[in-house]
Amino acid sequence: MDPTTILKTATVLLALTALGGLTLAGIRFTRDAEPPAWLAMVHGLIAGAALTLLIYAAFTVGIPTLALWATVLFVLAAIGGVVLNLGYHWHHRPLPKGLILGHAAIAVIGFVMLAVAAFGGRA
């Protein structure tokens, strides 16, 4: 598989992940309720699949520098997601809104960087 295909596939997976993340955040911020565990798990699973693709590509076929930095940001966002899941959601404690926003901000910046690397027009 060529790097461009991997980057585009990861971008699409992360777009789906973002939809789940927006839903999770919406539940927490508008209803002030605990989001469903199944949705959090699907969100993390799809994000993990995309991150695995990016790391695989970085070590095997090589990816542009911008995509590599996006991967670093996604690793940081994943760490935040694990903290949210295992530290709060798992124990049925309210998810901290600041941590949710930080997790989302890092992921959005990484997503924009990855989308530019994947669809930026460089052949």
PDB file of N, CA and C in Angstrom:
ATOM      1  N   MET A   1       0.854  -1.175   0.000  1.00  0.00           N
ATOM      2  CA  MET A   1       0.000   0.000   0.000  1.00  0.00           C
ATOM      3  C   MET A   1       0.899   1.236   0.000  1.00  0.00           C
ATOM      4  N   ASP A   2       0.523   2.205  -0.799  1.00  0.00           N
ATOM      5  CA  ASP A   2       1.353   3.409  -0.881  1.00  0.00           C
ATOM      6  C   ASP A   2       0.988   4.375   0.248  1.00  0.00           C
ATOM      7  N   PRO A   3       1.901   5.285   0.593  1.00  0.00           N
ATOM      8  CA  PRO A   3       1.668   6.194   1.713  1.00  0.00           C
ATOM      9  C   PRO A   3       0.419   7.067   1.550  1.00  0.00           C
ATOM     10  N   THR A   4       0.145   7.527   0.336  1.00  0.00           N
ATOM     11  CA  THR A   4      -1.017   8.391   0.123  1.00  0.00           C
ATOM     12  C   THR A   4      -2.313   7.664   0.441  1.00  0.00           C
ATOM     13  N   THR A   5      -2.428   6.422   0.037  1.00  0.00           N
ATOM     14  CA  THR A   5      -3.626   5.638   0.331  1.00  0.00           C
ATOM     15  C   THR A   5      -3.780   5.442   1.833  1.00  0.00           C
ATOM     16  N   ILE A   6      -2.688   5.162   2.508  1.00  0.00           N
ATOM     17  CA  ILE A   6      -2.738   4.986   3.963  1.00  0.00           C
ATOM     18  C   ILE A   6      -3.171   6.287   4.632  1.00  0.00           C
ATOM     19  N   LEU A   7      -2.597   7.409   4.215  1.00  0.00           N
ATOM     20  CA  LEU A   7      -2.954   8.692   4.816  1.00  0.00           C
ATOM     21  C   LEU A   7      -4.428   9.027   4.581  1.00  0.00           C
ATOM     22  N   LYS A   8      -4.911   8.777   3.382  1.00  0.00           N
ATOM     23  CA  LYS A   8      -6.320   9.049   3.082  1.00  0.00           C
ATOM     24  C   LYS A   8      -7.246   8.131   3.880  1.00  0.00           C
ATOM     25  N   THR A   9      -6.874   6.869   4.000  1.00  0.00           N
ATOM     26  CA  THR A   9      -7.674   5.924   4.781  1.00  0.00           C
ATOM     27  C   THR A   9      -7.717   6.338   6.246  1.00  0.00           C
ATOM     28  N   ALA A  10      -6.560   6.706   6.795  1.00  0.00           N
ATOM     29  CA  ALA A  10      -6.508   7.151   8.186  1.00  0.00           C
ATOM     30  C   ALA A  10      -7.334   8.420   8.385  1.00  0.00           C
ATOM     31  N   THR A  11      -7.311   9.317   7.408  1.00  0.00           N
ATOM     32  CA  THR A  11      -8.088  10.551   7.503  1.00  0.00           C
ATOM     33  C   THR A  11      -9.585  10.260   7.547  1.00  0.00           C
ATOM     34  N   VAL A  12     -10.032   9.346   6.701  1.00  0.00           N
ATOM     35  CA  VAL A  12     -11.455   8.980   6.695  1.00  0.00           C
ATOM     36  C   VAL A  12     -11.841   8.324   8.025  1.00  0.00           C
ATOM     37  N   LEU A  13     -10.999   7.418   8.520  1.00  0.00           N
ATOM     38  CA  LEU A  13     -11.283   6.778   9.806  1.00  0.00           C
ATOM     39  C   LEU A  13     -11.352   7.813  10.927  1.00  0.00           C
ATOM     40  N   LEU A  14     -10.451   8.779  10.886  1.00  0.00           N
ATOM     41  CA  LEU A  14     -10.441   9.803  11.933  1.00  0.00           C
ATOM     42  C   LEU A  14     -11.615  10.767  11.798  1.00  0.00           C
ATOM     43  N   ALA A  15     -12.117  10.962  10.589  1.00  0.00           N
ATOM     44  CA  ALA A  15     -13.326  11.768  10.420  1.00  0.00           C
ATOM     45  C   ALA A  15     -14.515  11.060  11.084  1.00  0.00           C
ATOM     46  N   LEU A  16     -14.593   9.747  10.911  1.00  0.00           N
ATOM     47  CA  LEU A  16     -15.640   8.975  11.590  1.00  0.00           C
ATOM     48  C   LEU A  16     -15.467   9.046  13.104  1.00  0.00           C
ATOM     49  N   THR A  17     -14.219   8.972  13.544  1.00  0.00           N
ATOM     50  CA  THR A  17     -13.915   9.082  14.963  1.00  0.00           C
ATOM     51  C   THR A  17     -14.370  10.434  15.507  1.00  0.00           C
ATOM     52  N   ALA A  18     -14.152  11.482  14.720  1.00  0.00           N
ATOM     53  CA  ALA A  18     -14.550  12.826  15.148  1.00  0.00           C
ATOM     54  C   ALA A  18     -16.064  12.918  15.343  1.00  0.00           C
ATOM     55  N   LEU A  19     -16.821  12.264  14.480  1.00  0.00           N
ATOM     56  CA  LEU A  19     -18.278  12.264  14.644  1.00  0.00           C
ATOM     57  C   LEU A  19     -18.678  11.621  15.978  1.00  0.00           C
ATOM     58  N   GLY A  20     -18.036  10.521  16.283  1.00  0.00           N
ATOM     59  CA  GLY A  20     -18.295   9.877  17.579  1.00  0.00           C
ATOM     60  C   GLY A  20     -17.860  10.752  18.737  1.00  0.00           C
ATOM     61  N   GLY A  21     -16.719  11.407  18.586  1.00  0.00           N
ATOM     62  CA  GLY A  21     -16.232  12.294  19.637  1.00  0.00           C
ATOM     63  C   GLY A  21     -17.153  13.483  19.864  1.00  0.00           C
ATOM     64  N   LEU A  22     -17.662  14.038  18.779  1.00  0.00           N
ATOM     65  CA  LEU A  22     -18.619  15.146  18.912  1.00  0.00           C
ATOM     66  C   LEU A  22     -19.889  14.691  19.622  1.00  0.00           C
ATOM     67  N   THR A  23     -20.332  13.486  19.315  1.00  0.00           N
ATOM     68  CA  THR A  23     -21.511  12.935  19.978  1.00  0.00           C
ATOM     69  C   THR A  23     -21.246  12.732  21.467  1.00  0.00           C
ATOM     70  N   LEU A  24     -20.090  12.162  21.787  1.00  0.00           N
ATOM     71  CA  LEU A  24     -19.727  11.946  23.193  1.00  0.00           C
ATOM     72  C   LEU A  24     -19.656  13.268  23.944  1.00  0.00           C
ATOM     73  N   ALA A  25     -18.983  14.246  23.348  1.00  0.00           N
ATOM     74  CA  ALA A  25     -18.856  15.555  23.992  1.00  0.00           C
ATOM     75  C   ALA A  25     -20.213  16.231  24.116  1.00  0.00           C
ATOM     76  N   GLY A  26     -21.039  16.094  23.091  1.00  0.00           N
ATOM     77  CA  GLY A  26     -22.367  16.686  23.143  1.00  0.00           C
ATOM     78  C   GLY A  26     -23.188  16.137  24.293  1.00  0.00           C
ATOM     79  N   ILE A  27     -23.100  14.840  24.515  1.00  0.00           N
ATOM     80  CA  ILE A  27     -23.826  14.227  25.623  1.00  0.00           C
ATOM     81  C   ILE A  27     -23.320  14.780  26.953  1.00  0.00           C
ATOM     82  N   ARG A  28     -22.009  14.893  27.069  1.00  0.00           N
ATOM     83  CA  ARG A  28     -21.431  15.379  28.334  1.00  0.00           C
ATOM     84  C   ARG A  28     -21.737  16.855  28.574  1.00  0.00           C
ATOM     85  N   PHE A  29     -21.645  17.671  27.527  1.00  0.00           N
ATOM     86  CA  PHE A  29     -21.800  19.114  27.705  1.00  0.00           C
ATOM     87  C   PHE A  29     -23.259  19.574  27.731  1.00  0.00           C
ATOM     88  N   THR A  30     -24.135  18.943  26.954  1.00  0.00           N
ATOM     89  CA  THR A  30     -25.521  19.423  26.900  1.00  0.00           C
ATOM     90  C   THR A  30     -26.415  18.755  27.937  1.00  0.00           C
ATOM     91  N   ARG A  31     -26.223  17.476  28.148  1.00  0.00           N
ATOM     92  CA  ARG A  31     -27.060  16.760  29.111  1.00  0.00           C
ATOM     93  C   ARG A  31     -26.393  16.625  30.466  1.00  0.00           C
ATOM     94  N   ASP A  32     -25.104  16.930  30.510  1.00  0.00           N
ATOM     95  CA  ASP A  32     -24.296  16.739  31.714  1.00  0.00           C
ATOM     96  C   ASP A  32     -24.435  15.301  32.221  1.00  0.00           C
ATOM     97  N   ALA A  33     -24.455  14.368  31.257  1.00  0.00           N
ATOM     98  CA  ALA A  33     -24.637  12.950  31.573  1.00  0.00           C
ATOM     99  C   ALA A  33     -23.400  12.158  31.155  1.00  0.00           C
ATOM    100  N   GLU A  34     -23.363  10.935  31.606  1.00  0.00           N
ATOM    101  CA  GLU A  34     -22.280  10.024  31.226  1.00  0.00           C
ATOM    102  C   GLU A  34     -22.603   9.442  29.853  1.00  0.00           C
ATOM    103  N   PRO A  35     -21.703   9.630  28.889  1.00  0.00           N
ATOM    104  CA  PRO A  35     -21.947   9.054  27.557  1.00  0.00           C
ATOM    105  C   PRO A  35     -21.955   7.524  27.618  1.00  0.00           C
ATOM    106  N   PRO A  36     -22.615   6.870  26.662  1.00  0.00           N
ATOM    107  CA  PRO A  36     -22.650   5.405  26.678  1.00  0.00           C
ATOM    108  C   PRO A  36     -21.266   4.800  26.460  1.00  0.00           C
ATOM    109  N   ALA A  37     -20.986   3.758  27.209  1.00  0.00           N
ATOM    110  CA  ALA A  37     -19.680   3.100  27.136  1.00  0.00           C
ATOM    111  C   ALA A  37     -19.417   2.537  25.741  1.00  0.00           C
ATOM    112  N   TRP A  38     -20.449   2.001  25.097  1.00  0.00           N
ATOM    113  CA  TRP A  38     -20.243   1.394  23.782  1.00  0.00           C
ATOM    114  C   TRP A  38     -19.762   2.435  22.778  1.00  0.00           C
ATOM    115  N   LEU A  39     -20.298   3.654  22.873  1.00  0.00           N
ATOM    116  CA  LEU A  39     -19.897   4.705  21.941  1.00  0.00           C
ATOM    117  C   LEU A  39     -18.460   5.134  22.198  1.00  0.00           C
ATOM    118  N   ALA A  40     -18.083   5.227  23.457  1.00  0.00           N
ATOM    119  CA  ALA A  40     -16.699   5.568  23.794  1.00  0.00           C
ATOM    120  C   ALA A  40     -15.742   4.492  23.274  1.00  0.00           C
ATOM    121  N   MET A  41     -16.148   3.242  23.387  1.00  0.00           N
ATOM    122  CA  MET A  41     -15.281   2.148  22.924  1.00  0.00           C
ATOM    123  C   MET A  41     -15.147   2.138  21.406  1.00  0.00           C
ATOM    124  N   VAL A  42     -16.249   2.370  20.684  1.00  0.00           N
ATOM    125  CA  VAL A  42     -16.187   2.426  19.220  1.00  0.00           C
ATOM    126  C   VAL A  42     -15.320   3.610  18.786  1.00  0.00           C
ATOM    127  N   HIS A  43     -15.493   4.742  19.459  1.00  0.00           N
ATOM    128  CA  HIS A  43     -14.680   5.934  19.182  1.00  0.00           C
ATOM    129  C   HIS A  43     -13.190   5.608  19.320  1.00  0.00           C
ATOM    130  N   GLY A  44     -12.827   4.978  20.426  1.00  0.00           N
ATOM    131  CA  GLY A  44     -11.424   4.633  20.663  1.00  0.00           C
ATOM    132  C   GLY A  44     -10.903   3.564  19.712  1.00  0.00           C
ATOM    133  N   LEU A  45     -11.751   2.609  19.379  1.00  0.00           N
ATOM    134  CA  LEU A  45     -11.336   1.533  18.479  1.00  0.00           C
ATOM    135  C   LEU A  45     -11.022   2.057  17.085  1.00  0.00           C
ATOM    136  N   ILE A  46     -11.893   2.910  16.564  1.00  0.00           N
ATOM    137  CA  ILE A  46     -11.660   3.452  15.218  1.00  0.00           C
ATOM    138  C   ILE A  46     -10.443   4.378  15.228  1.00  0.00           C
ATOM    139  N   ALA A  47     -10.316   5.194  16.280  1.00  0.00           N
ATOM    140  CA  ALA A  47      -9.141   6.066  16.387  1.00  0.00           C
ATOM    141  C   ALA A  47      -7.859   5.235  16.484  1.00  0.00           C
ATOM    142  N   GLY A  48      -7.925   4.155  17.249  1.00  0.00           N
ATOM    143  CA  GLY A  48      -6.759   3.276  17.386  1.00  0.00           C
ATOM    144  C   GLY A  48      -6.377   2.620  16.067  1.00  0.00           C
ATOM    145  N   ALA A  49      -7.372   2.257  15.276  1.00  0.00           N
ATOM    146  CA  ALA A  49      -7.102   1.666  13.962  1.00  0.00           C
ATOM    147  C   ALA A  49      -6.385   2.673  13.063  1.00  0.00           C
ATOM    148  N   ALA A  50      -6.870   3.911  13.067  1.00  0.00           N
ATOM    149  CA  ALA A  50      -6.237   4.949  12.247  1.00  0.00           C
ATOM    150  C   ALA A  50      -4.820   5.230  12.725  1.00  0.00           C
ATOM    151  N   LEU A  51      -4.643   5.315  14.030  1.00  0.00           N
ATOM    152  CA  LEU A  51      -3.305   5.582  14.577  1.00  0.00           C
ATOM    153  C   LEU A  51      -2.353   4.435  14.274  1.00  0.00           C
ATOM    154  N   THR A  52      -2.846   3.213  14.337  1.00  0.00           N
ATOM    155  CA  THR A  52      -2.022   2.047  13.989  1.00  0.00           C
ATOM    156  C   THR A  52      -1.579   2.117  12.532  1.00  0.00           C
ATOM    157  N   LEU A  53      -2.481   2.498  11.647  1.00  0.00           N
ATOM    158  CA  LEU A  53      -2.120   2.662  10.230  1.00  0.00           C
ATOM    159  C   LEU A  53      -1.018   3.703  10.058  1.00  0.00           C
ATOM    160  N   LEU A  54      -1.168   4.826  10.746  1.00  0.00           N
ATOM    161  CA  LEU A  54      -0.181   5.897  10.617  1.00  0.00           C
ATOM    162  C   LEU A  54       1.188   5.467  11.141  1.00  0.00           C
ATOM    163  N   ILE A  55       1.208   4.805  12.276  1.00  0.00           N
ATOM    164  CA  ILE A  55       2.483   4.347  12.839  1.00  0.00           C
ATOM    165  C   ILE A  55       3.114   3.297  11.929  1.00  0.00           C
ATOM    166  N   TYR A  56       2.293   2.375  11.423  1.00  0.00           N
ATOM    167  CA  TYR A  56       2.789   1.368  10.481  1.00  0.00           C
ATOM    168  C   TYR A  56       3.425   2.043   9.264  1.00  0.00           C
ATOM    169  N   ALA A  57       2.713   3.008   8.694  1.00  0.00           N
ATOM    170  CA  ALA A  57       3.229   3.695   7.506  1.00  0.00           C
ATOM    171  C   ALA A  57       4.505   4.454   7.816  1.00  0.00           C
ATOM    172  N   ALA A  58       4.559   5.073   8.977  1.00  0.00           N
ATOM    173  CA  ALA A  58       5.751   5.844   9.351  1.00  0.00           C
ATOM    174  C   ALA A  58       6.986   4.950   9.412  1.00  0.00           C
ATOM    175  N   PHE A  59       6.808   3.721   9.889  1.00  0.00           N
ATOM    176  CA  PHE A  59       7.952   2.822  10.037  1.00  0.00           C
ATOM    177  C   PHE A  59       8.252   1.993   8.798  1.00  0.00           C
ATOM    178  N   THR A  60       7.309   1.877   7.869  1.00  0.00           N
ATOM    179  CA  THR A  60       7.545   0.998   6.722  1.00  0.00           C
ATOM    180  C   THR A  60       7.720   1.754   5.410  1.00  0.00           C
ATOM    181  N   VAL A  61       6.692   2.483   4.994  1.00  0.00           N
ATOM    182  CA  VAL A  61       6.748   3.133   3.681  1.00  0.00           C
ATOM    183  C   VAL A  61       7.141   4.598   3.760  1.00  0.00           C
ATOM    184  N   GLY A  62       7.093   5.160   4.956  1.00  0.00           N
ATOM    185  CA  GLY A  62       7.439   6.563   5.135  1.00  0.00           C
ATOM    186  C   GLY A  62       6.263   7.475   4.842  1.00  0.00           C
ATOM    187  N   ILE A  63       6.130   8.520   5.632  1.00  0.00           N
ATOM    188  CA  ILE A  63       5.065   9.501   5.449  1.00  0.00           C
ATOM    189  C   ILE A  63       5.675  10.894   5.504  1.00  0.00           C
ATOM    190  N   PRO A  64       4.991  11.882   4.926  1.00  0.00           N
ATOM    191  CA  PRO A  64       5.512  13.245   4.963  1.00  0.00           C
ATOM    192  C   PRO A  64       5.675  13.748   6.405  1.00  0.00           C
ATOM    193  N   THR A  65       6.539  14.711   6.575  1.00  0.00           N
ATOM    194  CA  THR A  65       6.826  15.259   7.900  1.00  0.00           C
ATOM    195  C   THR A  65       5.556  15.769   8.584  1.00  0.00           C
ATOM    196  N   LEU A  66       4.695  16.441   7.828  1.00  0.00           N
ATOM    197  CA  LEU A  66       3.455  16.952   8.406  1.00  0.00           C
ATOM    198  C   LEU A  66       2.599  15.818   8.962  1.00  0.00           C
ATOM    199  N   ALA A  67       2.526  14.719   8.247  1.00  0.00           N
ATOM    200  CA  ALA A  67       1.760  13.554   8.711  1.00  0.00           C
ATOM    201  C   ALA A  67       2.425  12.915   9.927  1.00  0.00           C
ATOM    202  N   LEU A  68       3.742  12.967   9.964  1.00  0.00           N
ATOM    203  CA  LEU A  68       4.459  12.422  11.113  1.00  0.00           C
ATOM    204  C   LEU A  68       4.152  13.238  12.369  1.00  0.00           C
ATOM    205  N   TRP A  69       4.133  14.558  12.246  1.00  0.00           N
ATOM    206  CA  TRP A  69       3.777  15.408  13.383  1.00  0.00           C
ATOM    207  C   TRP A  69       2.319  15.203  13.781  1.00  0.00           C
ATOM    208  N   ALA A  70       1.456  15.000  12.803  1.00  0.00           N
ATOM    209  CA  ALA A  70       0.057  14.700  13.103  1.00  0.00           C
ATOM    210  C   ALA A  70      -0.039  13.402  13.907  1.00  0.00           C
ATOM    211  N   THR A  71       0.775  12.424  13.547  1.00  0.00           N
ATOM    212  CA  THR A  71       0.791  11.149  14.267  1.00  0.00           C
ATOM    213  C   THR A  71       1.203  11.360  15.717  1.00  0.00           C
ATOM    214  N   VAL A  72       2.197  12.195  15.937  1.00  0.00           N
ATOM    215  CA  VAL A  72       2.631  12.507  17.306  1.00  0.00           C
ATOM    216  C   VAL A  72       1.468  13.124  18.089  1.00  0.00           C
ATOM    217  N   LEU A  73       0.752  14.055  17.465  1.00  0.00           N
ATOM    218  CA  LEU A  73      -0.399  14.666  18.138  1.00  0.00           C
ATOM    219  C   LEU A  73      -1.488  13.633  18.427  1.00  0.00           C
ATOM    220  N   PHE A  74      -1.697  12.703  17.504  1.00  0.00           N
ATOM    221  CA  PHE A  74      -2.702  11.661  17.745  1.00  0.00           C
ATOM    222  C   PHE A  74      -2.294  10.731  18.886  1.00  0.00           C
ATOM    223  N   VAL A  75      -1.008  10.493  19.034  1.00  0.00           N
ATOM    224  CA  VAL A  75      -0.548   9.696  20.182  1.00  0.00           C
ATOM    225  C   VAL A  75      -0.881  10.445  21.478  1.00  0.00           C
ATOM    226  N   LEU A  76      -0.625  11.755  21.504  1.00  0.00           N
ATOM    227  CA  LEU A  76      -0.961  12.557  22.687  1.00  0.00           C
ATOM    228  C   LEU A  76      -2.471  12.557  22.945  1.00  0.00           C
ATOM    229  N   ALA A  77      -3.260  12.710  21.879  1.00  0.00           N
ATOM    230  CA  ALA A  77      -4.718  12.669  22.029  1.00  0.00           C
ATOM    231  C   ALA A  77      -5.168  11.301  22.539  1.00  0.00           C
ATOM    232  N   ALA A  78      -4.518  10.250  22.063  1.00  0.00           N
ATOM    233  CA  ALA A  78      -4.866   8.894  22.512  1.00  0.00           C
ATOM    234  C   ALA A  78      -4.576   8.732  24.006  1.00  0.00           C
ATOM    235  N   ILE A  79      -3.474   9.289  24.459  1.00  0.00           N
ATOM    236  CA  ILE A  79      -3.163   9.226  25.893  1.00  0.00           C
ATOM    237  C   ILE A  79      -4.263   9.934  26.689  1.00  0.00           C
ATOM    238  N   GLY A  80      -4.691  11.097  26.199  1.00  0.00           N
ATOM    239  CA  GLY A  80      -5.795  11.799  26.850  1.00  0.00           C
ATOM    240  C   GLY A  80      -7.077  10.985  26.838  1.00  0.00           C
ATOM    241  N   GLY A  81      -7.339  10.301  25.742  1.00  0.00           N
ATOM    242  CA  GLY A  81      -8.515   9.453  25.651  1.00  0.00           C
ATOM    243  C   GLY A  81      -8.471   8.288  26.624  1.00  0.00           C
ATOM    244  N   VAL A  82      -7.297   7.710  26.783  1.00  0.00           N
ATOM    245  CA  VAL A  82      -7.143   6.607  27.740  1.00  0.00           C
ATOM    246  C   VAL A  82      -7.379   7.116  29.162  1.00  0.00           C
ATOM    247  N   VAL A  83      -6.857   8.292  29.470  1.00  0.00           N
ATOM    248  CA  VAL A  83      -7.083   8.879  30.798  1.00  0.00           C
ATOM    249  C   VAL A  83      -8.578   9.129  31.014  1.00  0.00           C
ATOM    250  N   LEU A  84      -9.246   9.688  30.005  1.00  0.00           N
ATOM    251  CA  LEU A  84     -10.685   9.923  30.122  1.00  0.00           C
ATOM    252  C   LEU A  84     -11.443   8.616  30.338  1.00  0.00           C
ATOM    253  N   ASN A  85     -11.081   7.596  29.586  1.00  0.00           N
ATOM    254  CA  ASN A  85     -11.805   6.331  29.661  1.00  0.00           C
ATOM    255  C   ASN A  85     -11.518   5.590  30.965  1.00  0.00           C
ATOM    256  N   LEU A  86     -10.251   5.335  31.229  1.00  0.00           N
ATOM    257  CA  LEU A  86      -9.916   4.507  32.389  1.00  0.00           C
ATOM    258  C   LEU A  86      -9.960   5.271  33.702  1.00  0.00           C
ATOM    259  N   GLY A  87      -9.659   6.548  33.664  1.00  0.00           N
ATOM    260  CA  GLY A  87      -9.629   7.322  34.897  1.00  0.00           C
ATOM    261  C   GLY A  87     -10.980   7.852  35.325  1.00  0.00           C
ATOM    262  N   TYR A  88     -11.871   8.052  34.369  1.00  0.00           N
ATOM    263  CA  TYR A  88     -13.157   8.660  34.691  1.00  0.00           C
ATOM    264  C   TYR A  88     -14.344   7.804  34.261  1.00  0.00           C
ATOM    265  N   HIS A  89     -14.433   7.528  32.961  1.00  0.00           N
ATOM    266  CA  HIS A  89     -15.594   6.809  32.445  1.00  0.00           C
ATOM    267  C   HIS A  89     -15.735   5.436  33.092  1.00  0.00           C
ATOM    268  N   TRP A  90     -14.648   4.728  33.196  1.00  0.00           N
ATOM    269  CA  TRP A  90     -14.645   3.378  33.760  1.00  0.00           C
ATOM    270  C   TRP A  90     -15.162   3.372  35.202  1.00  0.00           C
ATOM    271  N   HIS A  91     -14.849   4.446  35.938  1.00  0.00           N
ATOM    272  CA  HIS A  91     -15.243   4.546  37.346  1.00  0.00           C
ATOM    273  C   HIS A  91     -16.541   5.330  37.542  1.00  0.00           C
ATOM    274  N   HIS A  92     -17.228   5.631  36.425  1.00  0.00           N
ATOM    275  CA  HIS A  92     -18.504   6.360  36.458  1.00  0.00           C
ATOM    276  C   HIS A  92     -18.380   7.719  37.144  1.00  0.00           C
ATOM    277  N   ARG A  93     -17.228   8.352  36.939  1.00  0.00           N
ATOM    278  CA  ARG A  93     -17.034   9.709  37.450  1.00  0.00           C
ATOM    279  C   ARG A  93     -17.265  10.671  36.295  1.00  0.00           C
ATOM    280  N   PRO A  94     -17.742  11.863  36.567  1.00  0.00           N
ATOM    281  CA  PRO A  94     -17.979  12.831  35.491  1.00  0.00           C
ATOM    282  C   PRO A  94     -16.694  13.137  34.725  1.00  0.00           C
ATOM    283  N   LEU A  95     -16.791  13.100  33.412  1.00  0.00           N
ATOM    284  CA  LEU A  95     -15.628  13.395  32.578  1.00  0.00           C
ATOM    285  C   LEU A  95     -15.302  14.884  32.710  1.00  0.00           C
ATOM    286  N   PRO A  96     -14.044  15.227  33.032  1.00  0.00           N
ATOM    287  CA  PRO A  96     -13.683  16.644  33.177  1.00  0.00           C
ATOM    288  C   PRO A  96     -13.756  17.373  31.841  1.00  0.00           C
ATOM    289  N   LYS A  97     -14.504  18.448  31.824  1.00  0.00           N
ATOM    290  CA  LYS A  97     -14.732  19.170  30.581  1.00  0.00           C
ATOM    291  C   LYS A  97     -13.438  19.739  30.003  1.00  0.00           C
ATOM    292  N   GLY A  98     -12.540  20.180  30.851  1.00  0.00           N
ATOM    293  CA  GLY A  98     -11.260  20.706  30.372  1.00  0.00           C
ATOM    294  C   GLY A  98     -10.433  19.643  29.666  1.00  0.00           C
ATOM    295  N   LEU A  99     -10.418  18.449  30.213  1.00  0.00           N
ATOM    296  CA  LEU A  99      -9.672  17.351  29.595  1.00  0.00           C
ATOM    297  C   LEU A  99     -10.312  16.943  28.272  1.00  0.00           C
ATOM    298  N   ILE A 100     -11.643  16.962  28.225  1.00  0.00           N
ATOM    299  CA  ILE A 100     -12.338  16.665  26.968  1.00  0.00           C
ATOM    300  C   ILE A 100     -11.936  17.681  25.903  1.00  0.00           C
ATOM    301  N   LEU A 101     -11.959  18.962  26.267  1.00  0.00           N
ATOM    302  CA  LEU A 101     -11.604  20.017  25.314  1.00  0.00           C
ATOM    303  C   LEU A 101     -10.144  19.920  24.878  1.00  0.00           C
ATOM    304  N   GLY A 102      -9.247  19.602  25.807  1.00  0.00           N
ATOM    305  CA  GLY A 102      -7.837  19.430  25.446  1.00  0.00           C
ATOM    306  C   GLY A 102      -7.631  18.254  24.509  1.00  0.00           C
ATOM    307  N   HIS A 103      -8.271  17.139  24.827  1.00  0.00           N
ATOM    308  CA  HIS A 103      -8.212  15.939  23.984  1.00  0.00           C
ATOM    309  C   HIS A 103      -8.712  16.263  22.575  1.00  0.00           C
ATOM    310  N   ALA A 104      -9.834  16.975  22.510  1.00  0.00           N
ATOM    311  CA  ALA A 104     -10.420  17.325  21.216  1.00  0.00           C
ATOM    312  C   ALA A 104      -9.535  18.304  20.444  1.00  0.00           C
ATOM    313  N   ALA A 105      -9.003  19.293  21.128  1.00  0.00           N
ATOM    314  CA  ALA A 105      -8.174  20.307  20.453  1.00  0.00           C
ATOM    315  C   ALA A 105      -6.936  19.681  19.828  1.00  0.00           C
ATOM    316  N   ILE A 106      -6.279  18.813  20.573  1.00  0.00           N
ATOM    317  CA  ILE A 106      -5.086  18.144  20.042  1.00  0.00           C
ATOM    318  C   ILE A 106      -5.469  17.282  18.840  1.00  0.00           C
ATOM    319  N   ALA A 107      -6.578  16.551  18.953  1.00  0.00           N
ATOM    320  CA  ALA A 107      -7.012  15.684  17.853  1.00  0.00           C
ATOM    321  C   ALA A 107      -7.396  16.497  16.616  1.00  0.00           C
ATOM    322  N   VAL A 108      -8.062  17.631  16.812  1.00  0.00           N
ATOM    323  CA  VAL A 108      -8.474  18.461  15.669  1.00  0.00           C
ATOM    324  C   VAL A 108      -7.252  19.031  14.958  1.00  0.00           C
ATOM    325  N   ILE A 109      -6.282  19.508  15.703  1.00  0.00           N
ATOM    326  CA  ILE A 109      -5.056  20.026  15.082  1.00  0.00           C
ATOM    327  C   ILE A 109      -4.356  18.915  14.298  1.00  0.00           C
ATOM    328  N   GLY A 110      -4.265  17.728  14.905  1.00  0.00           N
ATOM    329  CA  GLY A 110      -3.667  16.591  14.210  1.00  0.00           C
ATOM    330  C   GLY A 110      -4.448  16.216  12.966  1.00  0.00           C
ATOM    331  N   PHE A 111      -5.780  16.271  13.051  1.00  0.00           N
ATOM    332  CA  PHE A 111      -6.619  15.924  11.909  1.00  0.00           C
ATOM    333  C   PHE A 111      -6.396  16.894  10.753  1.00  0.00           C
ATOM    334  N   VAL A 112      -6.349  18.172  11.045  1.00  0.00           N
ATOM    335  CA  VAL A 112      -6.125  19.162   9.984  1.00  0.00           C
ATOM    336  C   VAL A 112      -4.758  18.942   9.343  1.00  0.00           C
ATOM    337  N   MET A 113      -3.755  18.699  10.160  1.00  0.00           N
ATOM    338  CA  MET A 113      -2.421  18.447   9.616  1.00  0.00           C
ATOM    339  C   MET A 113      -2.420  17.206   8.726  1.00  0.00           C
ATOM    340  N   LEU A 114      -3.080  16.147   9.193  1.00  0.00           N
ATOM    341  CA  LEU A 114      -3.132  14.905   8.416  1.00  0.00           C
ATOM    342  C   LEU A 114      -3.904  15.106   7.119  1.00  0.00           C
ATOM    343  N   ALA A 115      -5.022  15.809   7.182  1.00  0.00           N
ATOM    344  CA  ALA A 115      -5.820  16.059   5.961  1.00  0.00           C
ATOM    345  C   ALA A 115      -5.020  16.844   4.944  1.00  0.00           C
ATOM    346  N   VAL A 116      -4.266  17.833   5.398  1.00  0.00           N
ATOM    347  CA  VAL A 116      -3.418  18.594   4.480  1.00  0.00           C
ATOM    348  C   VAL A 116      -2.358  17.682   3.876  1.00  0.00           C
ATOM    349  N   ALA A 117      -1.762  16.839   4.680  1.00  0.00           N
ATOM    350  CA  ALA A 117      -0.743  15.914   4.162  1.00  0.00           C
ATOM    351  C   ALA A 117      -1.344  14.908   3.184  1.00  0.00           C
ATOM    352  N   ALA A 118      -2.567  14.453   3.461  1.00  0.00           N
ATOM    353  CA  ALA A 118      -3.185  13.423   2.627  1.00  0.00           C
ATOM    354  C   ALA A 118      -3.803  13.984   1.350  1.00  0.00           C
ATOM    355  N   PHE A 119      -4.427  15.146   1.447  1.00  0.00           N
ATOM    356  CA  PHE A 119      -5.190  15.694   0.324  1.00  0.00           C
ATOM    357  C   PHE A 119      -4.630  17.024  -0.166  1.00  0.00           C
ATOM    358  N   GLY A 120      -3.452  17.383   0.276  1.00  0.00           N
ATOM    359  CA  GLY A 120      -2.904  18.705  -0.014  1.00  0.00           C
ATOM    360  C   GLY A 120      -2.507  18.954  -1.448  1.00  0.00           C
ATOM    361  N   GLY A 121      -2.591  17.979  -2.303  1.00  0.00           N
ATOM    362  CA  GLY A 121      -2.334  18.201  -3.718  1.00  0.00           C
ATOM    363  C   GLY A 121      -0.924  17.881  -4.182  1.00  0.00           C
ATOM    364  N   ARG A 122      -0.049  17.564  -3.218  1.00  0.00           N
ATOM    365  CA  ARG A 122       1.297  17.156  -3.629  1.00  0.00           C
ATOM    366  C   ARG A 122       1.255  15.741  -4.161  1.00  0.00           C
ATOM    367  N   ALA A 123       1.804  15.538  -5.330  1.00  0.00           N
ATOM    368  CA  ALA A 123       1.785  14.198  -5.928  1.00  0.00           C
ATOM    369  C   ALA A 123       3.017  13.420  -5.570  1.00  0.00           C
TER     370      ALA A 123
END
